């Protein structure tokens, strides 16, 4: 599949279109919407919306730069979005404006619902700094800058309370493997 037809590019186009005020999005928040949309889809449905690899960046998880920038450039080259350098609260901000309505036919209604919820939370309930801090979880901290963060690592952040049955099963498995006493 070519970059301009990728699900990542389609998702970026949709996110930009939904955030009609470019100051509410910016590059950092775009990355957060992508991360949370894929993360929530993975947790709820067992598969992410896109198949991109996320890596540790200073402001939180983001798609690999070459893939992200290729998708953005393709959208700009085909006249679907405009990317400009603006200023927001006296700081430079990469801004995105949708020039065409996105084609969302390759997304399920569940995926669109997840994305809409994430857009609302990230773009309207957070500033750039607060949403960046929110993505600095234990799995982000464990990675090195540029290192991949697999979505299945999210499962380790939802640990429940251990029961006596859990402990007994772990002991039995350790014994079976010759690791117990």
N, C-alpha and C. Protein backbone atom coordinates (compact mmCIF):
# COMPACT_ATOMS: atom_id res chain seq x y z
N UNK A 1 0.85 -1.18 0.00
CA UNK A 1 0.00 0.00 0.00
C UNK A 1 0.89 1.24 0.00
N UNK A 2 0.64 2.18 -0.87
CA UNK A 2 1.44 3.39 -0.94
C UNK A 2 1.09 4.29 0.24
N UNK A 3 2.04 5.18 0.56
CA UNK A 3 1.87 6.05 1.72
C UNK A 3 0.60 6.87 1.63
N UNK A 4 0.31 7.46 0.44
CA UNK A 4 -0.86 8.31 0.34
C UNK A 4 -2.16 7.54 0.54
N UNK A 5 -2.13 6.23 0.41
CA UNK A 5 -3.32 5.42 0.60
C UNK A 5 -3.30 4.71 1.95
N UNK A 6 -2.28 4.95 2.76
CA UNK A 6 -2.15 4.23 4.02
C UNK A 6 -3.23 4.64 5.00
N UNK A 7 -3.50 3.73 5.90
CA UNK A 7 -4.49 4.00 6.93
C UNK A 7 -4.00 5.13 7.84
N UNK A 8 -2.68 5.21 8.05
CA UNK A 8 -2.13 6.31 8.85
C UNK A 8 -2.45 7.65 8.20
N UNK A 9 -2.20 7.77 6.91
CA UNK A 9 -2.49 9.03 6.21
C UNK A 9 -3.98 9.34 6.27
N UNK A 10 -4.81 8.35 6.06
CA UNK A 10 -6.26 8.57 6.15
C UNK A 10 -6.67 9.03 7.55
N UNK A 11 -6.05 8.43 8.56
CA UNK A 11 -6.39 8.80 9.94
C UNK A 11 -5.92 10.22 10.25
N UNK A 12 -4.72 10.56 9.81
CA UNK A 12 -4.23 11.93 10.01
C UNK A 12 -5.18 12.92 9.34
N UNK A 13 -5.57 12.62 8.11
CA UNK A 13 -6.49 13.50 7.38
C UNK A 13 -7.79 13.69 8.16
N UNK A 14 -8.34 12.60 8.69
CA UNK A 14 -9.59 12.67 9.45
C UNK A 14 -9.40 13.51 10.72
N UNK A 15 -8.31 13.29 11.44
CA UNK A 15 -8.05 14.03 12.68
C UNK A 15 -7.94 15.52 12.38
N UNK A 16 -7.19 15.88 11.35
CA UNK A 16 -7.03 17.28 10.98
C UNK A 16 -8.37 17.89 10.60
N UNK A 17 -9.18 17.15 9.86
CA UNK A 17 -10.49 17.64 9.45
C UNK A 17 -11.40 17.86 10.67
N UNK A 18 -11.35 16.95 11.63
CA UNK A 18 -12.18 17.07 12.84
C UNK A 18 -11.74 18.23 13.73
N UNK A 19 -10.48 18.57 13.71
CA UNK A 19 -9.95 19.69 14.51
C UNK A 19 -9.91 20.92 13.63
N UNK A 20 -11.05 21.53 13.44
CA UNK A 20 -11.13 22.64 12.49
C UNK A 20 -10.31 23.86 12.91
N UNK A 21 -10.03 24.01 14.20
CA UNK A 21 -9.16 25.09 14.66
C UNK A 21 -7.75 24.54 14.76
N UNK A 22 -6.85 24.94 13.86
CA UNK A 22 -5.51 24.36 13.85
C UNK A 22 -4.71 24.60 15.13
N UNK A 23 -5.08 25.61 15.91
CA UNK A 23 -4.34 25.85 17.15
C UNK A 23 -4.67 24.80 18.21
N UNK A 24 -5.77 24.09 18.06
CA UNK A 24 -6.14 23.05 19.03
C UNK A 24 -5.38 21.75 18.81
N UNK A 25 -4.73 21.60 17.66
CA UNK A 25 -4.08 20.33 17.35
C UNK A 25 -2.57 20.45 17.50
N UNK A 26 -1.87 20.90 16.52
CA UNK A 26 -0.41 20.96 16.58
C UNK A 26 0.20 19.58 16.46
N UNK A 27 1.50 19.53 16.21
CA UNK A 27 2.19 18.26 15.97
C UNK A 27 2.18 17.34 17.18
N UNK A 28 2.41 17.88 18.37
CA UNK A 28 2.44 17.05 19.56
C UNK A 28 1.08 16.41 19.82
N UNK A 29 0.03 17.19 19.76
CA UNK A 29 -1.31 16.64 20.00
C UNK A 29 -1.72 15.67 18.90
N UNK A 30 -1.30 15.93 17.66
CA UNK A 30 -1.60 14.96 16.60
C UNK A 30 -0.99 13.60 16.95
N UNK A 31 0.25 13.60 17.40
CA UNK A 31 0.89 12.34 17.80
C UNK A 31 0.15 11.67 18.95
N UNK A 32 -0.36 12.47 19.89
CA UNK A 32 -1.08 11.90 21.03
C UNK A 32 -2.41 11.29 20.58
N UNK A 33 -3.10 11.97 19.67
CA UNK A 33 -4.36 11.41 19.16
C UNK A 33 -4.09 10.08 18.47
N UNK A 34 -3.06 10.04 17.64
CA UNK A 34 -2.72 8.79 16.94
C UNK A 34 -2.40 7.68 17.95
N UNK A 35 -1.55 7.99 18.94
CA UNK A 35 -1.15 7.00 19.95
C UNK A 35 -2.36 6.48 20.72
N UNK A 36 -3.15 7.40 21.28
CA UNK A 36 -4.28 6.97 22.10
C UNK A 36 -5.34 6.25 21.27
N UNK A 37 -5.57 6.68 20.04
CA UNK A 37 -6.55 6.00 19.19
C UNK A 37 -6.12 4.56 18.94
N UNK A 38 -4.85 4.38 18.57
CA UNK A 38 -4.36 3.01 18.35
C UNK A 38 -4.33 2.21 19.65
N UNK A 39 -3.93 2.85 20.74
CA UNK A 39 -3.86 2.16 22.03
C UNK A 39 -5.24 1.72 22.50
N UNK A 40 -6.22 2.63 22.44
CA UNK A 40 -7.57 2.27 22.90
C UNK A 40 -8.20 1.21 21.99
N UNK A 41 -7.99 1.32 20.69
CA UNK A 41 -8.51 0.30 19.77
C UNK A 41 -7.87 -1.05 20.09
N UNK A 42 -6.58 -1.05 20.35
CA UNK A 42 -5.88 -2.29 20.69
C UNK A 42 -6.45 -2.89 21.99
N UNK A 43 -6.65 -2.06 22.98
CA UNK A 43 -7.16 -2.55 24.26
C UNK A 43 -8.61 -3.03 24.15
N UNK A 44 -9.42 -2.37 23.35
CA UNK A 44 -10.83 -2.73 23.23
C UNK A 44 -11.09 -3.82 22.21
N UNK A 45 -10.36 -3.80 21.09
CA UNK A 45 -10.68 -4.70 19.99
C UNK A 45 -9.60 -5.72 19.70
N UNK A 46 -8.43 -5.55 20.31
CA UNK A 46 -7.33 -6.48 20.07
C UNK A 46 -6.45 -6.12 18.89
N UNK A 47 -6.81 -5.09 18.14
CA UNK A 47 -6.00 -4.63 17.02
C UNK A 47 -6.03 -3.11 16.98
N UNK A 48 -4.90 -2.48 16.62
CA UNK A 48 -4.88 -1.02 16.50
C UNK A 48 -5.60 -0.59 15.23
N UNK A 49 -5.85 0.68 15.11
CA UNK A 49 -6.47 1.22 13.91
C UNK A 49 -5.46 1.22 12.76
N UNK A 50 -4.25 1.65 13.05
CA UNK A 50 -3.18 1.64 12.04
C UNK A 50 -2.19 0.54 12.42
N UNK A 51 -1.28 0.27 11.55
CA UNK A 51 -0.24 -0.73 11.84
C UNK A 51 1.11 -0.07 12.04
N UNK A 52 1.13 1.20 12.44
CA UNK A 52 2.40 1.89 12.60
C UNK A 52 3.09 1.47 13.88
N UNK A 53 4.40 1.61 13.88
CA UNK A 53 5.20 1.37 15.07
C UNK A 53 5.39 2.70 15.78
N UNK A 54 5.11 2.72 17.07
CA UNK A 54 5.32 3.92 17.87
C UNK A 54 6.68 3.83 18.55
N UNK A 55 7.33 4.96 18.68
CA UNK A 55 8.64 5.02 19.32
C UNK A 55 8.62 6.09 20.41
N UNK A 56 9.57 5.96 21.32
CA UNK A 56 9.70 6.96 22.37
C UNK A 56 10.29 8.23 21.78
N UNK A 57 9.59 9.32 21.96
CA UNK A 57 10.05 10.65 21.59
C UNK A 57 10.06 11.48 22.88
N UNK A 58 10.74 12.61 22.89
CA UNK A 58 10.81 13.39 24.13
C UNK A 58 9.45 13.79 24.71
N UNK A 59 8.46 14.03 23.85
CA UNK A 59 7.15 14.44 24.35
C UNK A 59 6.15 13.30 24.44
N UNK A 60 6.60 12.06 24.28
CA UNK A 60 5.73 10.90 24.39
C UNK A 60 5.81 10.03 23.15
N UNK A 61 5.02 8.96 23.11
CA UNK A 61 5.05 8.06 21.95
C UNK A 61 4.58 8.76 20.68
N UNK A 62 5.20 8.39 19.57
CA UNK A 62 4.84 8.95 18.26
C UNK A 62 5.18 7.93 17.19
N UNK A 63 4.48 7.96 16.06
CA UNK A 63 4.88 7.08 14.96
C UNK A 63 6.32 7.39 14.55
N UNK A 64 7.00 6.38 14.00
CA UNK A 64 8.36 6.61 13.50
C UNK A 64 8.34 7.84 12.59
N UNK A 65 9.33 8.70 12.75
CA UNK A 65 9.34 10.00 12.06
C UNK A 65 9.25 9.85 10.55
N UNK A 66 9.99 8.90 9.97
CA UNK A 66 9.96 8.78 8.51
C UNK A 66 8.57 8.40 8.00
N UNK A 67 7.86 7.56 8.72
CA UNK A 67 6.51 7.15 8.32
C UNK A 67 5.53 8.29 8.53
N UNK A 68 5.62 8.95 9.68
CA UNK A 68 4.73 10.06 10.00
C UNK A 68 4.89 11.21 9.00
N UNK A 69 6.14 11.61 8.75
CA UNK A 69 6.37 12.73 7.85
C UNK A 69 6.03 12.38 6.41
N UNK A 70 6.24 11.13 6.01
CA UNK A 70 5.86 10.71 4.66
C UNK A 70 4.35 10.79 4.47
N UNK A 71 3.60 10.36 5.49
CA UNK A 71 2.14 10.43 5.41
C UNK A 71 1.68 11.89 5.35
N UNK A 72 2.25 12.73 6.21
CA UNK A 72 1.89 14.15 6.20
C UNK A 72 2.25 14.81 4.87
N UNK A 73 3.43 14.51 4.37
CA UNK A 73 3.87 15.10 3.09
C UNK A 73 2.97 14.65 1.94
N UNK A 74 2.59 13.39 1.95
CA UNK A 74 1.70 12.87 0.92
C UNK A 74 0.36 13.59 0.95
N UNK A 75 -0.17 13.80 2.15
CA UNK A 75 -1.44 14.51 2.28
C UNK A 75 -1.32 15.96 1.79
N UNK A 76 -0.20 16.57 2.08
CA UNK A 76 0.02 17.95 1.62
C UNK A 76 0.22 17.98 0.11
N UNK A 77 1.01 17.05 -0.43
CA UNK A 77 1.28 17.02 -1.87
C UNK A 77 0.02 16.77 -2.69
N UNK A 78 -0.93 16.02 -2.14
CA UNK A 78 -2.17 15.72 -2.86
C UNK A 78 -3.27 16.74 -2.58
N UNK A 79 -2.92 17.81 -1.85
CA UNK A 79 -3.88 18.88 -1.61
C UNK A 79 -4.96 18.56 -0.59
N UNK A 80 -4.72 17.56 0.23
CA UNK A 80 -5.73 17.18 1.23
C UNK A 80 -5.61 17.98 2.51
N UNK A 81 -4.37 18.34 2.88
CA UNK A 81 -4.14 19.18 4.05
C UNK A 81 -3.07 20.21 3.72
N UNK A 82 -3.04 21.27 4.52
CA UNK A 82 -1.95 22.25 4.46
C UNK A 82 -1.24 22.18 5.81
N UNK A 83 0.08 22.27 5.75
CA UNK A 83 0.89 22.27 6.97
C UNK A 83 1.63 23.60 7.01
N UNK A 84 1.44 24.32 8.09
CA UNK A 84 2.09 25.62 8.24
C UNK A 84 2.77 25.70 9.60
N UNK A 85 3.66 26.66 9.72
CA UNK A 85 4.30 26.95 11.01
C UNK A 85 3.61 28.18 11.57
N UNK A 86 2.93 28.00 12.69
CA UNK A 86 2.22 29.10 13.33
C UNK A 86 2.78 29.38 14.71
N UNK A 87 2.07 30.23 15.43
CA UNK A 87 2.45 30.56 16.80
C UNK A 87 1.21 30.38 17.67
N UNK A 88 1.41 29.73 18.81
CA UNK A 88 0.32 29.51 19.75
C UNK A 88 0.86 29.78 21.14
N UNK A 89 0.25 30.73 21.84
CA UNK A 89 0.75 31.18 23.15
C UNK A 89 2.23 31.53 23.08
N UNK A 90 2.59 32.31 22.09
CA UNK A 90 3.96 32.81 21.89
C UNK A 90 4.99 31.72 21.64
N UNK A 91 4.55 30.52 21.26
CA UNK A 91 5.48 29.43 20.96
C UNK A 91 5.21 28.92 19.55
N UNK A 92 6.27 28.49 18.85
CA UNK A 92 6.06 27.95 17.51
C UNK A 92 5.20 26.68 17.55
N UNK A 93 4.35 26.53 16.56
CA UNK A 93 3.47 25.37 16.50
C UNK A 93 3.28 24.96 15.04
N UNK A 94 3.53 23.69 14.76
CA UNK A 94 3.19 23.15 13.44
C UNK A 94 1.68 22.98 13.42
N UNK A 95 1.04 23.58 12.42
CA UNK A 95 -0.41 23.56 12.34
C UNK A 95 -0.88 22.87 11.07
N UNK A 96 -2.03 22.24 11.17
CA UNK A 96 -2.59 21.45 10.08
C UNK A 96 -4.00 21.94 9.78
N UNK A 97 -4.31 22.08 8.49
CA UNK A 97 -5.64 22.49 8.06
C UNK A 97 -6.10 21.53 6.97
N UNK A 98 -7.29 21.00 7.13
CA UNK A 98 -7.86 20.11 6.10
C UNK A 98 -8.38 20.96 4.95
N UNK A 99 -8.01 20.57 3.73
CA UNK A 99 -8.45 21.28 2.53
C UNK A 99 -9.54 20.51 1.80
N UNK A 100 -9.68 19.23 2.12
CA UNK A 100 -10.69 18.38 1.52
C UNK A 100 -11.31 17.52 2.62
N UNK A 101 -12.53 17.07 2.36
CA UNK A 101 -13.18 16.13 3.28
C UNK A 101 -12.46 14.78 3.18
N UNK A 102 -12.16 14.15 4.33
CA UNK A 102 -11.44 12.87 4.29
C UNK A 102 -12.35 11.71 3.88
N UNK A 103 -11.75 10.71 3.30
CA UNK A 103 -12.44 9.46 2.99
C UNK A 103 -12.22 8.54 4.19
N UNK A 104 -13.30 8.22 4.90
CA UNK A 104 -13.18 7.38 6.09
C UNK A 104 -13.74 5.98 5.85
N UNK A 105 -13.88 5.60 4.61
CA UNK A 105 -14.52 4.32 4.29
C UNK A 105 -13.73 3.10 4.77
N UNK A 106 -12.42 3.25 5.01
CA UNK A 106 -11.68 2.09 5.47
C UNK A 106 -11.67 1.94 6.99
N UNK A 107 -12.39 2.82 7.68
CA UNK A 107 -12.51 2.72 9.14
C UNK A 107 -13.87 2.16 9.52
N UNK A 108 -13.88 1.37 10.58
CA UNK A 108 -15.16 0.87 11.09
C UNK A 108 -15.81 1.97 11.93
N UNK A 109 -17.10 1.82 12.20
CA UNK A 109 -17.78 2.81 13.04
C UNK A 109 -17.18 2.82 14.44
N UNK A 110 -16.73 1.65 14.92
CA UNK A 110 -16.10 1.59 16.24
C UNK A 110 -14.79 2.38 16.25
N UNK A 111 -14.01 2.25 15.18
CA UNK A 111 -12.75 2.99 15.10
C UNK A 111 -13.00 4.50 15.08
N UNK A 112 -13.98 4.94 14.31
CA UNK A 112 -14.30 6.37 14.25
C UNK A 112 -14.78 6.86 15.61
N UNK A 113 -15.56 6.05 16.31
CA UNK A 113 -16.02 6.44 17.65
C UNK A 113 -14.85 6.63 18.59
N UNK A 114 -13.89 5.71 18.53
CA UNK A 114 -12.69 5.81 19.38
C UNK A 114 -11.92 7.08 19.03
N UNK A 115 -11.69 7.32 17.75
CA UNK A 115 -10.93 8.49 17.32
C UNK A 115 -11.64 9.77 17.75
N UNK A 116 -12.94 9.84 17.57
CA UNK A 116 -13.69 11.04 17.96
C UNK A 116 -13.56 11.31 19.46
N UNK A 117 -13.66 10.27 20.26
CA UNK A 117 -13.51 10.42 21.71
C UNK A 117 -12.11 10.92 22.06
N UNK A 118 -11.10 10.33 21.44
CA UNK A 118 -9.72 10.72 21.71
C UNK A 118 -9.47 12.16 21.27
N UNK A 119 -9.95 12.53 20.10
CA UNK A 119 -9.79 13.92 19.63
C UNK A 119 -10.38 14.88 20.65
N UNK A 120 -11.58 14.60 21.11
CA UNK A 120 -12.24 15.48 22.06
C UNK A 120 -11.41 15.63 23.34
N UNK A 121 -10.94 14.52 23.88
CA UNK A 121 -10.16 14.56 25.12
C UNK A 121 -8.81 15.25 24.92
N UNK A 122 -8.07 14.87 23.90
CA UNK A 122 -6.73 15.40 23.70
C UNK A 122 -6.77 16.86 23.29
N UNK A 123 -7.61 17.21 22.35
CA UNK A 123 -7.60 18.55 21.79
C UNK A 123 -8.36 19.58 22.62
N UNK A 124 -9.33 19.14 23.40
CA UNK A 124 -10.15 20.10 24.12
C UNK A 124 -9.95 20.07 25.63
N UNK A 125 -9.48 18.95 26.17
CA UNK A 125 -9.33 18.84 27.62
C UNK A 125 -7.88 18.97 28.09
N UNK A 126 -6.95 19.11 27.16
CA UNK A 126 -5.54 19.16 27.53
C UNK A 126 -4.79 20.25 26.78
N UNK A 127 -3.75 20.73 27.42
CA UNK A 127 -2.76 21.57 26.76
C UNK A 127 -1.66 20.62 26.28
N UNK A 128 -0.76 21.11 25.44
CA UNK A 128 0.34 20.30 24.92
C UNK A 128 1.14 19.67 26.07
N UNK A 129 1.44 20.45 27.09
CA UNK A 129 2.27 19.92 28.19
C UNK A 129 1.54 18.87 29.01
N UNK A 130 0.25 19.05 29.28
CA UNK A 130 -0.47 18.09 30.12
C UNK A 130 -0.69 16.76 29.38
N UNK A 131 -0.94 16.81 28.08
CA UNK A 131 -1.14 15.55 27.35
C UNK A 131 0.19 14.85 27.15
N UNK A 132 1.27 15.60 27.03
CA UNK A 132 2.59 14.97 26.93
C UNK A 132 2.93 14.24 28.22
N UNK A 133 2.69 14.89 29.35
CA UNK A 133 2.95 14.25 30.64
C UNK A 133 2.09 13.00 30.82
N UNK A 134 0.85 13.04 30.34
CA UNK A 134 -0.04 11.90 30.49
C UNK A 134 0.46 10.66 29.74
N UNK A 135 1.23 10.87 28.68
CA UNK A 135 1.74 9.73 27.91
C UNK A 135 3.08 9.23 28.44
N UNK A 136 3.61 9.88 29.44
CA UNK A 136 4.88 9.44 30.03
C UNK A 136 4.62 8.37 31.08
N UNK A 137 4.14 7.24 30.61
CA UNK A 137 3.80 6.11 31.47
C UNK A 137 5.01 5.24 31.72
N UNK A 138 4.82 4.19 32.47
CA UNK A 138 5.91 3.27 32.78
C UNK A 138 6.49 2.64 31.51
N UNK A 139 5.66 2.36 30.52
CA UNK A 139 6.20 1.76 29.29
C UNK A 139 6.99 2.78 28.48
N UNK A 140 6.59 4.05 28.53
CA UNK A 140 7.37 5.11 27.86
C UNK A 140 8.70 5.29 28.58
N UNK A 141 8.66 5.30 29.92
CA UNK A 141 9.88 5.48 30.70
C UNK A 141 10.88 4.35 30.49
N UNK A 142 10.38 3.14 30.27
CA UNK A 142 11.26 1.97 30.13
C UNK A 142 12.00 1.96 28.79
N UNK A 143 11.50 2.70 27.82
CA UNK A 143 12.12 2.72 26.49
C UNK A 143 13.18 3.82 26.40
N UNK A 144 14.10 3.63 25.46
CA UNK A 144 15.09 4.65 25.13
C UNK A 144 14.53 5.52 23.99
N UNK A 145 15.00 6.76 23.88
CA UNK A 145 14.56 7.63 22.79
C UNK A 145 14.79 6.92 21.46
N UNK A 146 13.75 6.86 20.63
CA UNK A 146 13.82 6.21 19.33
C UNK A 146 13.48 4.73 19.36
N UNK A 147 13.38 4.14 20.55
CA UNK A 147 13.07 2.71 20.67
C UNK A 147 11.57 2.49 20.50
N UNK A 148 11.21 1.39 19.84
CA UNK A 148 9.82 1.05 19.64
C UNK A 148 9.10 0.76 20.94
N UNK A 149 7.83 1.14 20.98
CA UNK A 149 6.96 0.84 22.12
C UNK A 149 5.81 -0.01 21.59
N UNK A 150 5.88 -1.32 21.78
CA UNK A 150 4.82 -2.18 21.25
C UNK A 150 3.51 -1.97 22.01
N UNK A 151 2.41 -1.99 21.29
CA UNK A 151 1.12 -1.78 21.93
C UNK A 151 0.79 -2.86 22.95
N UNK A 152 1.31 -4.07 22.75
CA UNK A 152 1.01 -5.12 23.74
C UNK A 152 1.62 -4.80 25.11
N UNK A 153 2.58 -3.88 25.16
CA UNK A 153 3.14 -3.46 26.45
C UNK A 153 2.08 -2.75 27.30
N UNK A 154 1.05 -2.22 26.65
CA UNK A 154 -0.04 -1.58 27.39
C UNK A 154 -0.72 -2.55 28.35
N UNK A 155 -0.72 -3.82 27.99
CA UNK A 155 -1.38 -4.81 28.84
C UNK A 155 -0.73 -4.89 30.22
N UNK A 156 0.56 -4.57 30.30
CA UNK A 156 1.25 -4.64 31.58
C UNK A 156 0.89 -3.47 32.49
N UNK A 157 0.25 -2.46 31.96
CA UNK A 157 -0.13 -1.32 32.79
C UNK A 157 -1.50 -1.51 33.43
N UNK A 158 -2.17 -2.60 33.13
CA UNK A 158 -3.49 -2.86 33.68
C UNK A 158 -3.45 -4.10 34.57
N UNK A 159 -2.58 -4.05 35.56
CA UNK A 159 -2.41 -5.17 36.46
C UNK A 159 -3.48 -5.09 37.54
N UNK A 160 -4.15 -6.20 37.75
CA UNK A 160 -5.14 -6.27 38.82
C UNK A 160 -4.51 -6.77 40.09
N UNK A 161 -5.31 -6.92 41.10
CA UNK A 161 -4.82 -7.42 42.37
C UNK A 161 -4.62 -8.93 42.27
N UNK A 162 -3.52 -9.40 42.81
CA UNK A 162 -3.24 -10.84 42.80
C UNK A 162 -4.15 -11.55 43.78
N UNK A 163 -4.68 -12.67 43.34
CA UNK A 163 -5.50 -13.49 44.23
C UNK A 163 -4.67 -14.69 44.68
N UNK A 164 -5.16 -15.40 45.66
CA UNK A 164 -4.48 -16.62 46.12
C UNK A 164 -4.42 -17.64 44.99
N UNK A 165 -5.46 -17.72 44.15
CA UNK A 165 -5.45 -18.63 42.99
C UNK A 165 -4.32 -18.27 42.03
N UNK A 166 -4.11 -16.97 41.78
CA UNK A 166 -3.02 -16.53 40.91
C UNK A 166 -1.68 -16.98 41.46
N UNK A 167 -1.48 -16.81 42.74
CA UNK A 167 -0.22 -17.19 43.38
C UNK A 167 -0.01 -18.70 43.29
N UNK A 168 -1.05 -19.47 43.53
CA UNK A 168 -0.95 -20.94 43.46
C UNK A 168 -0.63 -21.41 42.04
N UNK A 169 -1.26 -20.79 41.04
CA UNK A 169 -0.97 -21.14 39.64
C UNK A 169 0.48 -20.81 39.29
N UNK A 170 0.97 -19.67 39.76
CA UNK A 170 2.37 -19.28 39.50
C UNK A 170 3.33 -20.26 40.17
N UNK A 171 3.03 -20.65 41.40
CA UNK A 171 3.89 -21.62 42.10
C UNK A 171 3.88 -22.96 41.38
N UNK A 172 2.71 -23.41 40.94
CA UNK A 172 2.61 -24.70 40.23
C UNK A 172 3.40 -24.65 38.91
N UNK A 173 3.32 -23.54 38.21
CA UNK A 173 4.05 -23.40 36.95
C UNK A 173 5.56 -23.36 37.21
N UNK A 174 5.96 -22.68 38.27
CA UNK A 174 7.38 -22.65 38.64
C UNK A 174 7.88 -24.04 38.97
N UNK A 175 7.10 -24.82 39.68
CA UNK A 175 7.46 -26.20 40.02
C UNK A 175 7.58 -27.04 38.74
N UNK A 176 6.61 -26.89 37.85
CA UNK A 176 6.61 -27.63 36.60
C UNK A 176 7.87 -27.34 35.79
N UNK A 177 8.31 -26.11 35.83
CA UNK A 177 9.51 -25.71 35.09
C UNK A 177 10.80 -25.96 35.87
N UNK A 178 10.65 -26.50 37.07
CA UNK A 178 11.84 -26.79 37.88
C UNK A 178 12.44 -25.57 38.52
N UNK A 179 11.65 -24.51 38.67
CA UNK A 179 12.16 -23.27 39.25
C UNK A 179 11.78 -23.09 40.71
N UNK A 180 10.87 -23.90 41.18
CA UNK A 180 10.38 -23.75 42.56
C UNK A 180 11.06 -24.71 43.51
N UNK A 181 10.72 -24.58 44.78
CA UNK A 181 11.27 -25.45 45.81
C UNK A 181 10.32 -26.57 46.15
